[in-house]
C-alpha atoms as a PDB file:
ATOM      1  CA  MET A   1       8.510 -27.647 -33.638  1.00  0.00           C
ATOM      2  CA  LYS A   2      10.246 -29.686 -36.584  1.00  0.00           C
ATOM      3  CA  LEU A   3      12.979 -30.739 -33.962  1.00  0.00           C
ATOM      4  CA  LEU A   4      10.477 -31.865 -31.627  1.00  0.00           C
ATOM      5  CA  LYS A   5       8.626 -33.963 -34.295  1.00  0.00           C
ATOM      6  CA  ARG A   6      12.028 -35.403 -35.346  1.00  0.00           C
ATOM      7  CA  ILE A   7      12.728 -36.506 -31.834  1.00  0.00           C
ATOM      8  CA  THR A   8       9.418 -37.818 -31.335  1.00  0.00           C
ATOM      9  CA  SER A   9       9.652 -39.863 -34.611  1.00  0.00           C
ATOM     10  CA  LYS A  10      12.943 -41.314 -33.544  1.00  0.00           C
ATOM     11  CA  PHE A  11      11.566 -42.395 -30.163  1.00  0.00           C
ATOM     12  CA  ASN A  12       8.519 -44.017 -32.007  1.00  0.00           C
ATOM     13  CA  HIS A  13      10.897 -46.093 -34.444  1.00  0.00           C
ATOM     14  CA  ALA A  14      12.789 -47.181 -31.234  1.00  0.00           C
ATOM     15  CA  PHE A  15       9.603 -48.236 -29.489  1.00  0.00           C
ATOM     16  CA  ASN A  16       8.349 -49.926 -32.495  1.00  0.00           C
ATOM     17  CA  GLY A  17      11.696 -51.914 -32.746  1.00  0.00           C
ATOM     18  CA  ILE A  18      11.346 -52.940 -29.199  1.00  0.00           C
ATOM     19  CA  ILE A  19       7.804 -54.221 -29.617  1.00  0.00           C
ATOM     20  CA  ASP A  20       8.737 -55.962 -32.807  1.00  0.00           C
ATOM     21  CA  GLY A  21      11.499 -57.643 -31.213  1.00  0.00           C
ATOM     22  CA  LEU A  22       9.501 -58.784 -28.148  1.00  0.00           C
ATOM     23  CA  VAL A  23       6.631 -59.932 -30.396  1.00  0.00           C
ATOM     24  CA  ASN A  24       8.559 -61.464 -33.335  1.00  0.00           C
ATOM     25  CA  ASP A  25      11.995 -62.676 -32.116  1.00  0.00           C
ATOM     26  CA  ARG A  26      12.466 -65.859 -29.863  1.00  0.00           C
ATOM     27  CA  SER A  27      16.109 -64.931 -29.153  1.00  0.00           C
ATOM     28  CA  ILE A  28      15.322 -61.762 -27.914  1.00  0.00           C
ATOM     29  CA  LYS A  29      12.631 -63.048 -25.553  1.00  0.00           C
ATOM     30  CA  ILE A  30      15.125 -65.555 -24.209  1.00  0.00           C
ATOM     31  CA  GLN A  31      17.662 -62.989 -23.487  1.00  0.00           C
ATOM     32  CA  ILE A  32      14.965 -60.628 -21.827  1.00  0.00           C
ATOM     33  CA  GLY A  33      14.019 -63.577 -19.825  1.00  0.00           C
ATOM     34  CA  PHE A  34      17.582 -64.000 -18.520  1.00  0.00           C
ATOM     35  CA  MET A  35      17.774 -60.295 -17.806  1.00  0.00           C
ATOM     36  CA  VAL A  36      14.489 -60.606 -15.872  1.00  0.00           C
ATOM     37  CA  ILE A  37      16.085 -63.468 -13.887  1.00  0.00           C
ATOM     38  CA  ALA A  38      19.305 -61.627 -13.138  1.00  0.00           C
ATOM     39  CA  ILE A  39      17.241 -58.762 -11.790  1.00  0.00           C
ATOM     40  CA  PHE A  40      15.010 -61.075  -9.746  1.00  0.00           C
ATOM     41  CA  MET A  41      17.962 -62.653  -8.176  1.00  0.00           C
ATOM     42  CA  ALA A  42      19.556 -59.314  -7.510  1.00  0.00           C
ATOM     43  CA  TRP A  43      16.401 -58.210  -5.686  1.00  0.00           C
ATOM     44  CA  LEU A  44      16.170 -61.511  -3.776  1.00  0.00           C
ATOM     45  CA  TYR A  45      19.723 -61.385  -2.662  1.00  0.00           C
ATOM     46  CA  LYS A  46      19.794 -57.708  -1.962  1.00  0.00           C
ATOM     47  CA  VAL A  47      22.979 -57.099  -3.865  1.00  0.00           C
ATOM     48  CA  THR A  48      24.967 -54.048  -3.217  1.00  0.00           C
ATOM     49  CA  VAL A  49      24.297 -50.843  -5.287  1.00  0.00           C
ATOM     50  CA  ILE A  50      27.541 -51.340  -7.385  1.00  0.00           C
ATOM     51  CA  GLU A  51      26.324 -55.041  -8.125  1.00  0.00           C
ATOM     52  CA  TRP A  52      23.061 -53.618  -9.097  1.00  0.00           C
ATOM     53  CA  ILE A  53      24.643 -51.165 -11.677  1.00  0.00           C
ATOM     54  CA  ILE A  54      26.968 -53.933 -13.005  1.00  0.00           C
ATOM     55  CA  ILE A  55      24.046 -56.456 -13.420  1.00  0.00           C
ATOM     56  CA  ILE A  56      22.013 -53.758 -15.339  1.00  0.00           C
ATOM     57  CA  ILE A  57      24.681 -52.901 -17.647  1.00  0.00           C
ATOM     58  CA  VAL A  58      25.749 -56.226 -18.645  1.00  0.00           C
ATOM     59  CA  SER A  59      22.181 -57.468 -19.126  1.00  0.00           C
ATOM     60  CA  THR A  60      21.324 -54.315 -21.035  1.00  0.00           C
ATOM     61  CA  ILE A  61      24.414 -54.809 -23.299  1.00  0.00           C
ATOM     62  CA  VAL A  62      23.404 -58.447 -24.104  1.00  0.00           C
ATOM     63  CA  VAL A  63      19.980 -57.636 -24.970  1.00  0.00           C
ATOM     64  CA  GLY A  64      21.230 -54.927 -27.027  1.00  0.00           C
ATOM     65  CA  PHE A  65      23.680 -56.923 -28.908  1.00  0.00           C
ATOM     66  CA  GLU A  66      20.513 -59.501 -29.569  1.00  0.00           C
ATOM     67  CA  PHE A  67      18.488 -56.727 -30.946  1.00  0.00           C
ATOM     68  CA  LEU A  68      21.501 -55.884 -33.307  1.00  0.00           C
ATOM     69  CA  ASN A  69      21.982 -59.424 -34.214  1.00  0.00           C
ATOM     70  CA  SER A  70      18.340 -60.083 -35.102  1.00  0.00           C
ATOM     71  CA  SER A  71      18.397 -56.795 -37.275  1.00  0.00           C
ATOM     72  CA  ILE A  72      21.520 -58.020 -39.052  1.00  0.00           C
ATOM     73  CA  GLU A  73      19.969 -61.449 -39.665  1.00  0.00           C
ATOM     74  CA  LEU A  74      16.728 -59.914 -41.138  1.00  0.00           C
ATOM     75  CA  LEU A  75      18.653 -57.649 -43.338  1.00  0.00           C
ATOM     76  CA  ALA A  76      20.976 -60.619 -44.512  1.00  0.00           C
ATOM     77  CA  ASP A  77      17.973 -62.771 -45.268  1.00  0.00           C
ATOM     78  CA  PHE A  78      16.318 -59.664 -47.260  1.00  0.00           C
ATOM     79  CA  ALA A  79      19.426 -59.096 -49.125  1.00  0.00           C
ATOM     80  CA  SER A  80      20.030 -62.642 -50.171  1.00  0.00           C
ATOM     81  CA  ASN A  81      16.336 -63.197 -50.965  1.00  0.00           C
ATOM     82  CA  THR A  82      16.710 -65.987 -48.410  1.00  0.00           C
ATOM     83  CA  LYS A  83      18.979 -67.919 -50.655  1.00  0.00           C
ATOM     84  CA  TYR A  84      21.968 -69.663 -49.429  1.00  0.00           C
ATOM     85  CA  SER A  85      25.084 -67.630 -49.717  1.00  0.00           C
ATOM     86  CA  ILE A  86      28.569 -68.288 -47.734  1.00  0.00           C
ATOM     87  CA  ILE A  87      28.959 -64.427 -47.316  1.00  0.00           C
ATOM     88  CA  ILE A  88      25.547 -64.175 -45.627  1.00  0.00           C
ATOM     89  CA  LYS A  89      26.421 -67.214 -43.545  1.00  0.00           C
ATOM     90  CA  ARG A  90      29.664 -65.535 -42.390  1.00  0.00           C
ATOM     91  CA  VAL A  91      27.835 -62.371 -41.528  1.00  0.00           C
ATOM     92  CA  LYS A  92      25.058 -64.178 -39.540  1.00  0.00           C
ATOM     93  CA  ASP A  93      27.591 -66.229 -37.805  1.00  0.00           C
ATOM     94  CA  LEU A  94      29.838 -63.214 -36.857  1.00  0.00           C
ATOM     95  CA  ALA A  95      26.675 -61.470 -35.301  1.00  0.00           C
ATOM     96  CA  ALA A  96      25.813 -64.267 -33.649  1.00  0.00           C
ATOM     97  CA  ALA A  97      29.321 -64.679 -32.199  1.00  0.00           C
ATOM     98  CA  ALA A  98      29.225 -61.224 -30.771  1.00  0.00           C
ATOM     99  CA  VAL A  99      26.025 -61.949 -28.828  1.00  0.00           C
ATOM    100  CA  PHE A 100      27.578 -65.155 -27.540  1.00  0.00           C
ATOM    101  CA  ILE A 101      30.771 -63.266 -26.460  1.00  0.00           C
ATOM    102  CA  VAL A 102      28.829 -60.699 -24.408  1.00  0.00           C
ATOM    103  CA  ALA A 103      26.310 -63.276 -23.047  1.00  0.00           C
ATOM    104  CA  MET A 104      29.389 -65.472 -21.777  1.00  0.00           C
ATOM    105  CA  CYS A 105      30.628 -62.256 -20.126  1.00  0.00           C
ATOM    106  CA  ALA A 106      27.511 -61.568 -18.460  1.00  0.00           C
ATOM    107  CA  PHE A 107      27.159 -65.153 -17.320  1.00  0.00           C
ATOM    108  CA  LEU A 108      30.467 -64.932 -15.741  1.00  0.00           C
ATOM    109  CA  VAL A 109      29.799 -61.549 -14.158  1.00  0.00           C
ATOM    110  CA  GLY A 110      26.665 -63.166 -12.654  1.00  0.00           C
ATOM    111  CA  VAL A 111      28.657 -66.029 -11.287  1.00  0.00           C
ATOM    112  CA  ILE A 112      31.150 -63.691  -9.621  1.00  0.00           C
ATOM    113  CA  ILE A 113      28.525 -61.497  -8.140  1.00  0.00           C
ATOM    114  CA  PHE A 114      26.147 -64.209  -7.029  1.00  0.00           C
ATOM    115  CA  LYS A 115      28.433 -66.968  -5.715  1.00  0.00           C
ATOM    116  CA  LYS A 116      28.880 -65.326  -2.465  1.00  0.00           C
ATOM    117  CA  TYR A 117      24.961 -65.067  -1.936  1.00  0.00           C
ATOM    118  CA  ILE A 118      24.108 -68.413  -3.052  1.00  0.00           C
ATOM    119  CA  PHE A 119      27.153 -70.653  -1.658  1.00  0.00           C
END
């Protein structure tokens, strides 16, 4: 019973984090918006099963990285007590760079997949 309670608790924390991100974080909303657009385009153009899998994987990676980036930013702001710190700036810049890198990869994957359907 304790194991089930711990597992349930972990799922609750995860769902609370998803809701918090959706409600309070603009960047997460934007990335999820792009994910919805990609999924809609995949449905509209009737992409192959493999293309569906690729689109879902890269979109989910971008959204996951955005959740990580947002949590790093919150923790950094808390740790610095919102005072400027070059170290905190570097931490936040590096986390943002990680999101940017995976987002650009996802964009390129999208171009490669959708170009044959659009042009």
